[in-house]
N, C-alpha and C. Protein backbone atom coordinates (compact mmCIF):
# COMPACT_ATOMS: atom_id res chain seq x y z
N UNK A 1 -46.89 45.76 4.19
CA UNK A 1 -46.90 44.66 5.13
C UNK A 1 -46.09 43.49 4.60
N UNK A 2 -46.21 43.22 3.30
CA UNK A 2 -45.49 42.10 2.71
C UNK A 2 -43.98 42.29 2.77
N UNK A 3 -43.51 43.51 2.53
CA UNK A 3 -42.08 43.80 2.59
C UNK A 3 -41.58 43.69 4.02
N UNK A 4 -42.35 44.19 4.97
CA UNK A 4 -41.97 44.10 6.38
C UNK A 4 -41.86 42.65 6.82
N UNK A 5 -42.83 41.83 6.43
CA UNK A 5 -42.80 40.40 6.79
C UNK A 5 -41.60 39.72 6.15
N UNK A 6 -41.32 40.06 4.91
CA UNK A 6 -40.17 39.47 4.22
C UNK A 6 -38.87 39.87 4.89
N UNK A 7 -38.73 41.13 5.26
CA UNK A 7 -37.53 41.58 5.96
C UNK A 7 -37.40 40.90 7.32
N UNK A 8 -38.51 40.76 8.03
CA UNK A 8 -38.49 40.10 9.33
C UNK A 8 -38.08 38.64 9.19
N UNK A 9 -38.64 37.94 8.22
CA UNK A 9 -38.28 36.54 7.98
C UNK A 9 -36.82 36.43 7.55
N UNK A 10 -36.36 37.33 6.73
CA UNK A 10 -34.96 37.32 6.31
C UNK A 10 -34.04 37.51 7.50
N UNK A 11 -34.39 38.45 8.36
CA UNK A 11 -33.58 38.71 9.56
C UNK A 11 -33.56 37.48 10.47
N UNK A 12 -34.72 36.87 10.69
CA UNK A 12 -34.80 35.67 11.54
C UNK A 12 -34.00 34.53 10.92
N UNK A 13 -34.07 34.39 9.61
CA UNK A 13 -33.30 33.34 8.93
C UNK A 13 -31.82 33.54 9.13
N UNK A 14 -31.36 34.77 9.03
CA UNK A 14 -29.94 35.05 9.25
C UNK A 14 -29.56 34.78 10.69
N UNK A 15 -30.45 35.11 11.61
CA UNK A 15 -30.16 34.89 13.02
C UNK A 15 -30.05 33.40 13.31
N UNK A 16 -30.89 32.60 12.69
CA UNK A 16 -30.84 31.15 12.90
C UNK A 16 -29.55 30.58 12.32
N UNK A 17 -29.16 31.03 11.16
CA UNK A 17 -27.93 30.53 10.54
C UNK A 17 -26.71 30.87 11.39
N UNK A 18 -26.74 32.03 12.03
CA UNK A 18 -25.58 32.48 12.80
C UNK A 18 -25.50 31.85 14.19
N UNK A 19 -26.50 31.06 14.58
CA UNK A 19 -26.47 30.45 15.91
C UNK A 19 -25.30 29.48 16.03
N UNK A 20 -24.74 29.44 17.23
CA UNK A 20 -23.64 28.52 17.50
C UNK A 20 -24.18 27.09 17.56
N UNK A 21 -23.37 26.15 17.09
CA UNK A 21 -23.73 24.74 17.13
C UNK A 21 -22.59 23.96 17.76
N UNK A 22 -22.96 22.97 18.56
CA UNK A 22 -21.95 22.10 19.16
C UNK A 22 -21.33 21.19 18.11
N UNK A 23 -20.15 20.70 18.41
CA UNK A 23 -19.48 19.71 17.56
C UNK A 23 -19.46 18.37 18.29
N UNK A 24 -19.55 17.30 17.54
CA UNK A 24 -19.40 15.97 18.13
C UNK A 24 -17.92 15.69 18.35
N UNK A 25 -17.62 14.61 19.04
CA UNK A 25 -16.22 14.27 19.34
C UNK A 25 -15.45 14.12 18.03
N UNK A 26 -14.32 14.83 17.89
CA UNK A 26 -13.54 14.73 16.65
C UNK A 26 -12.77 13.42 16.57
N UNK A 27 -12.56 12.98 15.36
CA UNK A 27 -11.78 11.77 15.11
C UNK A 27 -10.43 12.21 14.55
N UNK A 28 -9.36 11.75 15.17
CA UNK A 28 -8.02 12.11 14.71
C UNK A 28 -7.59 11.27 13.52
N UNK A 29 -6.41 11.54 13.07
CA UNK A 29 -5.83 10.78 11.97
C UNK A 29 -5.18 9.50 12.48
N UNK A 30 -4.46 8.81 11.62
CA UNK A 30 -3.80 7.57 12.02
C UNK A 30 -2.76 7.81 13.12
N UNK A 31 -2.72 6.92 14.07
CA UNK A 31 -1.69 6.88 15.13
C UNK A 31 -1.70 8.10 16.05
N UNK A 32 -2.90 8.63 16.33
CA UNK A 32 -3.01 9.76 17.25
C UNK A 32 -4.30 9.67 18.06
N UNK A 33 -4.32 10.38 19.19
CA UNK A 33 -5.49 10.43 20.07
C UNK A 33 -5.69 11.83 20.61
N UNK A 34 -6.92 12.11 21.08
CA UNK A 34 -7.20 13.37 21.75
C UNK A 34 -6.36 13.49 23.01
N UNK A 35 -6.02 14.72 23.36
CA UNK A 35 -5.25 14.98 24.58
C UNK A 35 -6.17 15.51 25.68
N UNK A 36 -5.74 15.30 26.92
CA UNK A 36 -6.38 15.91 28.08
C UNK A 36 -7.81 15.49 28.31
N UNK A 37 -8.59 16.41 28.91
CA UNK A 37 -9.98 16.14 29.28
C UNK A 37 -10.88 15.91 28.08
N UNK A 38 -10.46 16.31 26.90
CA UNK A 38 -11.28 16.13 25.70
C UNK A 38 -11.59 14.65 25.45
N UNK A 39 -10.75 13.77 25.95
CA UNK A 39 -10.96 12.33 25.78
C UNK A 39 -12.30 11.92 26.39
N UNK A 40 -12.70 12.58 27.48
CA UNK A 40 -13.90 12.20 28.22
C UNK A 40 -15.18 12.84 27.68
N UNK A 41 -15.08 13.84 26.83
CA UNK A 41 -16.25 14.55 26.32
C UNK A 41 -16.76 13.91 25.04
N UNK A 42 -18.09 14.05 24.82
CA UNK A 42 -18.69 13.58 23.57
C UNK A 42 -19.16 14.73 22.69
N UNK A 43 -19.48 15.87 23.31
CA UNK A 43 -19.85 17.06 22.55
C UNK A 43 -19.03 18.25 23.04
N UNK A 44 -18.84 19.20 22.13
CA UNK A 44 -17.99 20.35 22.41
C UNK A 44 -18.71 21.61 21.95
N UNK A 45 -18.80 22.62 22.83
CA UNK A 45 -19.47 23.86 22.45
C UNK A 45 -18.70 24.61 21.35
N UNK A 46 -19.46 25.42 20.62
CA UNK A 46 -18.87 26.25 19.58
C UNK A 46 -17.70 27.04 20.15
N UNK A 47 -16.59 27.08 19.44
CA UNK A 47 -15.41 27.81 19.89
C UNK A 47 -14.41 26.94 20.64
N UNK A 48 -14.80 25.69 20.93
CA UNK A 48 -13.88 24.79 21.65
C UNK A 48 -12.65 24.50 20.81
N UNK A 49 -11.52 24.38 21.49
CA UNK A 49 -10.27 24.04 20.83
C UNK A 49 -9.74 22.77 21.50
N UNK A 50 -9.40 21.75 20.72
CA UNK A 50 -8.85 20.51 21.27
C UNK A 50 -7.53 20.21 20.56
N UNK A 51 -6.73 19.38 21.20
CA UNK A 51 -5.44 19.00 20.63
C UNK A 51 -5.31 17.49 20.58
N UNK A 52 -4.51 17.03 19.65
CA UNK A 52 -4.19 15.62 19.49
C UNK A 52 -2.71 15.42 19.77
N UNK A 53 -2.36 14.20 20.17
CA UNK A 53 -0.95 13.84 20.33
C UNK A 53 -0.73 12.50 19.66
N UNK A 54 0.50 12.28 19.24
CA UNK A 54 0.86 11.02 18.58
C UNK A 54 0.90 9.89 19.60
N UNK A 55 0.49 8.71 19.18
CA UNK A 55 0.53 7.53 20.04
C UNK A 55 1.97 7.17 20.38
N UNK A 56 2.13 6.33 21.40
CA UNK A 56 3.45 5.82 21.77
C UNK A 56 4.10 5.18 20.56
N UNK A 57 5.36 5.50 20.34
CA UNK A 57 6.10 4.95 19.21
C UNK A 57 6.00 5.78 17.95
N UNK A 58 5.26 6.87 18.01
CA UNK A 58 5.09 7.75 16.85
C UNK A 58 5.50 9.16 17.24
N UNK A 59 6.00 9.91 16.28
CA UNK A 59 6.44 11.28 16.54
C UNK A 59 5.77 12.24 15.56
N UNK A 60 5.52 13.49 15.98
CA UNK A 60 4.94 14.47 15.06
C UNK A 60 5.88 14.73 13.89
N UNK A 61 5.33 14.72 12.70
CA UNK A 61 6.14 14.95 11.50
C UNK A 61 5.61 16.14 10.71
N UNK A 62 4.97 17.07 11.42
CA UNK A 62 4.48 18.27 10.76
C UNK A 62 3.01 18.50 11.01
N UNK A 63 2.58 19.71 10.76
CA UNK A 63 1.18 20.08 10.92
C UNK A 63 0.86 20.49 12.34
N UNK A 64 -0.29 21.12 12.49
CA UNK A 64 -0.76 21.59 13.79
C UNK A 64 -1.52 20.47 14.50
N UNK A 65 -1.36 20.40 15.82
CA UNK A 65 -2.04 19.36 16.59
C UNK A 65 -3.41 19.82 17.10
N UNK A 66 -3.78 21.09 16.87
CA UNK A 66 -5.03 21.64 17.40
C UNK A 66 -6.06 21.89 16.31
N UNK A 67 -7.34 21.72 16.70
CA UNK A 67 -8.46 22.05 15.82
C UNK A 67 -9.49 22.82 16.63
N UNK A 68 -10.38 23.56 15.93
CA UNK A 68 -11.37 24.41 16.59
C UNK A 68 -12.76 24.10 16.04
N UNK A 69 -13.75 24.06 16.95
CA UNK A 69 -15.15 23.86 16.57
C UNK A 69 -15.75 25.22 16.20
N UNK A 70 -16.26 25.33 14.98
CA UNK A 70 -16.91 26.55 14.53
C UNK A 70 -18.22 26.18 13.86
N UNK A 71 -19.34 26.63 14.44
CA UNK A 71 -20.68 26.39 13.89
C UNK A 71 -20.94 24.92 13.59
N UNK A 72 -20.52 24.04 14.50
CA UNK A 72 -20.81 22.62 14.37
C UNK A 72 -19.84 21.83 13.51
N UNK A 73 -18.76 22.47 13.06
CA UNK A 73 -17.78 21.80 12.20
C UNK A 73 -16.38 22.02 12.74
N UNK A 74 -15.59 20.96 12.76
CA UNK A 74 -14.19 21.07 13.21
C UNK A 74 -13.32 21.59 12.07
N UNK A 75 -12.34 22.40 12.42
CA UNK A 75 -11.35 22.83 11.42
C UNK A 75 -10.53 21.60 11.01
N UNK A 76 -9.79 21.72 9.93
CA UNK A 76 -9.03 20.59 9.40
C UNK A 76 -7.84 20.28 10.29
N UNK A 77 -7.67 19.00 10.61
CA UNK A 77 -6.52 18.55 11.40
C UNK A 77 -5.36 18.27 10.45
N UNK A 78 -4.22 18.91 10.69
CA UNK A 78 -3.08 18.74 9.78
C UNK A 78 -1.92 17.96 10.39
N UNK A 79 -2.06 17.55 11.66
CA UNK A 79 -0.99 16.79 12.32
C UNK A 79 -0.73 15.48 11.58
N UNK A 80 0.55 15.15 11.42
CA UNK A 80 0.96 13.87 10.83
C UNK A 80 1.85 13.17 11.84
N UNK A 81 1.55 11.90 12.14
CA UNK A 81 2.34 11.12 13.09
C UNK A 81 3.03 9.97 12.35
N UNK A 82 4.34 9.92 12.46
CA UNK A 82 5.13 8.87 11.80
C UNK A 82 5.78 7.97 12.84
N UNK A 83 6.03 6.73 12.46
CA UNK A 83 6.72 5.80 13.36
C UNK A 83 8.08 6.35 13.72
N UNK A 84 8.40 6.26 15.01
CA UNK A 84 9.69 6.74 15.52
C UNK A 84 10.81 5.95 14.87
N UNK A 85 11.88 6.64 14.52
CA UNK A 85 13.07 6.00 13.96
C UNK A 85 14.16 6.03 15.02
N UNK A 86 14.60 4.85 15.47
CA UNK A 86 15.66 4.77 16.49
C UNK A 86 17.05 4.99 15.90
N UNK A 87 17.17 4.95 14.59
CA UNK A 87 18.49 5.06 13.98
C UNK A 87 19.28 3.78 14.17
N UNK A 88 20.48 3.77 13.69
CA UNK A 88 21.32 2.56 13.78
C UNK A 88 21.66 2.26 15.24
N UNK A 89 21.70 0.97 15.56
CA UNK A 89 22.11 0.54 16.89
C UNK A 89 23.59 0.89 17.04
N UNK A 90 24.04 1.27 18.25
CA UNK A 90 25.46 1.63 18.43
C UNK A 90 26.40 0.51 17.95
N UNK A 91 27.55 0.91 17.46
CA UNK A 91 28.53 -0.04 16.95
C UNK A 91 28.91 -1.04 18.04
N UNK A 92 29.05 -2.31 17.65
CA UNK A 92 29.39 -3.38 18.59
C UNK A 92 30.84 -3.79 18.34
N UNK A 93 31.66 -3.66 19.38
CA UNK A 93 33.06 -4.07 19.26
C UNK A 93 33.12 -5.59 19.09
N UNK A 94 33.89 -6.03 18.12
CA UNK A 94 34.05 -7.46 17.82
C UNK A 94 32.73 -8.12 17.43
N UNK A 95 31.92 -7.39 16.72
CA UNK A 95 30.65 -7.95 16.27
C UNK A 95 29.96 -7.04 15.27
N UNK A 96 28.79 -7.46 14.86
CA UNK A 96 27.98 -6.71 13.90
C UNK A 96 26.54 -6.66 14.38
N UNK A 97 25.79 -5.78 13.78
CA UNK A 97 24.36 -5.67 14.08
C UNK A 97 23.59 -5.95 12.80
N UNK A 98 22.62 -6.87 12.91
CA UNK A 98 21.78 -7.23 11.77
C UNK A 98 20.36 -6.72 12.05
N UNK A 99 19.70 -6.22 11.03
CA UNK A 99 18.33 -5.74 11.15
C UNK A 99 17.44 -6.69 10.35
N UNK A 100 16.80 -7.67 11.00
CA UNK A 100 16.01 -8.68 10.30
C UNK A 100 14.95 -8.11 9.35
N UNK A 101 14.31 -7.02 9.72
CA UNK A 101 13.29 -6.41 8.85
C UNK A 101 13.89 -5.34 7.95
N UNK A 102 15.18 -5.09 8.11
CA UNK A 102 15.85 -4.10 7.27
C UNK A 102 15.58 -2.66 7.66
N UNK A 103 15.00 -2.44 8.84
CA UNK A 103 14.66 -1.07 9.23
C UNK A 103 14.94 -0.84 10.71
N UNK A 104 14.88 0.42 11.13
CA UNK A 104 15.17 0.80 12.52
C UNK A 104 14.02 1.61 13.12
N UNK A 105 12.79 1.25 12.75
CA UNK A 105 11.61 1.97 13.21
C UNK A 105 11.00 1.31 14.45
N UNK A 106 10.15 2.06 15.15
CA UNK A 106 9.49 1.58 16.36
C UNK A 106 8.93 0.17 16.14
N UNK A 107 9.29 -0.73 17.06
CA UNK A 107 8.83 -2.11 16.99
C UNK A 107 9.77 -3.04 16.26
N UNK A 108 10.69 -2.50 15.46
CA UNK A 108 11.65 -3.33 14.73
C UNK A 108 12.73 -3.83 15.69
N UNK A 109 13.44 -4.85 15.26
CA UNK A 109 14.49 -5.43 16.10
C UNK A 109 15.86 -5.33 15.43
N UNK A 110 16.87 -5.39 16.27
CA UNK A 110 18.27 -5.46 15.83
C UNK A 110 18.86 -6.69 16.52
N UNK A 111 19.66 -7.44 15.80
CA UNK A 111 20.27 -8.63 16.38
C UNK A 111 21.79 -8.46 16.39
N UNK A 112 22.37 -8.60 17.58
CA UNK A 112 23.82 -8.48 17.74
C UNK A 112 24.45 -9.84 17.45
N UNK A 113 25.42 -9.85 16.55
CA UNK A 113 26.12 -11.08 16.17
C UNK A 113 27.61 -10.88 16.43
N UNK A 114 28.19 -11.75 17.24
CA UNK A 114 29.61 -11.64 17.58
C UNK A 114 30.49 -12.23 16.48
N UNK A 115 31.67 -11.64 16.32
CA UNK A 115 32.66 -12.19 15.41
C UNK A 115 33.10 -13.56 15.93
N UNK A 116 33.65 -14.36 15.03
CA UNK A 116 34.13 -15.70 15.40
C UNK A 116 35.17 -15.57 16.51
N UNK A 117 35.01 -16.43 17.53
CA UNK A 117 35.93 -16.43 18.66
C UNK A 117 35.47 -15.55 19.81
N UNK A 118 34.36 -14.84 19.65
CA UNK A 118 33.82 -13.98 20.71
C UNK A 118 32.43 -14.47 21.11
N UNK A 119 32.11 -14.31 22.39
CA UNK A 119 30.81 -14.71 22.91
C UNK A 119 30.03 -13.48 23.36
N UNK A 120 28.75 -13.52 23.12
CA UNK A 120 27.87 -12.42 23.50
C UNK A 120 27.59 -12.45 25.00
N UNK A 121 27.68 -11.30 25.62
CA UNK A 121 27.29 -11.15 27.02
C UNK A 121 26.04 -10.28 27.00
N UNK A 122 24.91 -10.82 27.44
CA UNK A 122 23.64 -10.09 27.40
C UNK A 122 22.76 -10.64 26.30
N UNK A 123 21.74 -9.88 25.96
CA UNK A 123 20.76 -10.32 24.97
C UNK A 123 21.22 -9.98 23.56
N UNK A 124 20.95 -10.91 22.64
CA UNK A 124 21.32 -10.70 21.24
C UNK A 124 20.31 -9.79 20.54
N UNK A 125 19.04 -9.89 20.91
CA UNK A 125 18.01 -9.13 20.22
C UNK A 125 17.66 -7.86 20.98
N UNK A 126 17.64 -6.75 20.26
CA UNK A 126 17.27 -5.44 20.81
C UNK A 126 16.06 -4.94 20.04
N UNK A 127 15.23 -4.16 20.71
CA UNK A 127 14.00 -3.66 20.09
C UNK A 127 13.97 -2.14 20.12
N UNK A 128 13.52 -1.56 19.02
CA UNK A 128 13.32 -0.11 18.95
C UNK A 128 12.03 0.22 19.69
N UNK A 129 12.15 0.94 20.81
CA UNK A 129 11.01 1.33 21.63
C UNK A 129 10.87 2.85 21.62
N UNK A 130 9.89 3.35 22.35
CA UNK A 130 9.63 4.79 22.38
C UNK A 130 10.83 5.60 22.85
N UNK A 131 11.61 5.06 23.78
CA UNK A 131 12.78 5.77 24.31
C UNK A 131 14.09 5.38 23.62
N UNK A 132 14.02 4.59 22.56
CA UNK A 132 15.22 4.17 21.84
C UNK A 132 15.40 2.67 21.91
N UNK A 133 16.62 2.22 21.64
CA UNK A 133 16.92 0.78 21.64
C UNK A 133 16.95 0.25 23.07
N UNK A 134 16.31 -0.90 23.28
CA UNK A 134 16.32 -1.55 24.60
C UNK A 134 16.84 -2.96 24.48
């Protein structure tokens, strides 16, 4: 009787351990958010797969954007989001471009400076935005 009870308890213990568990809302890394309907959910059933996307002004720089809920735990998120680089502003005829912060990343500015004897038509300051220089 004792061995039977022990085997029964062992079996029940294994069955309890193997039960599926929900996951709470996952937290992404820096500069990213959940995609799609997952934004509206607070709990996710076992086996759920969700994806993250980089925020405006940031681009994926490696890693997978998806994670999976397994037994109440999310798999490791490996997505990395880096600030978008607009690159150098196009060459300005009869002028130069200055980068006040020394960089060409999202949110940074470029200032167009005309050579002596030339006048600027348009705005002198340009900003690196999600779609490039504006």
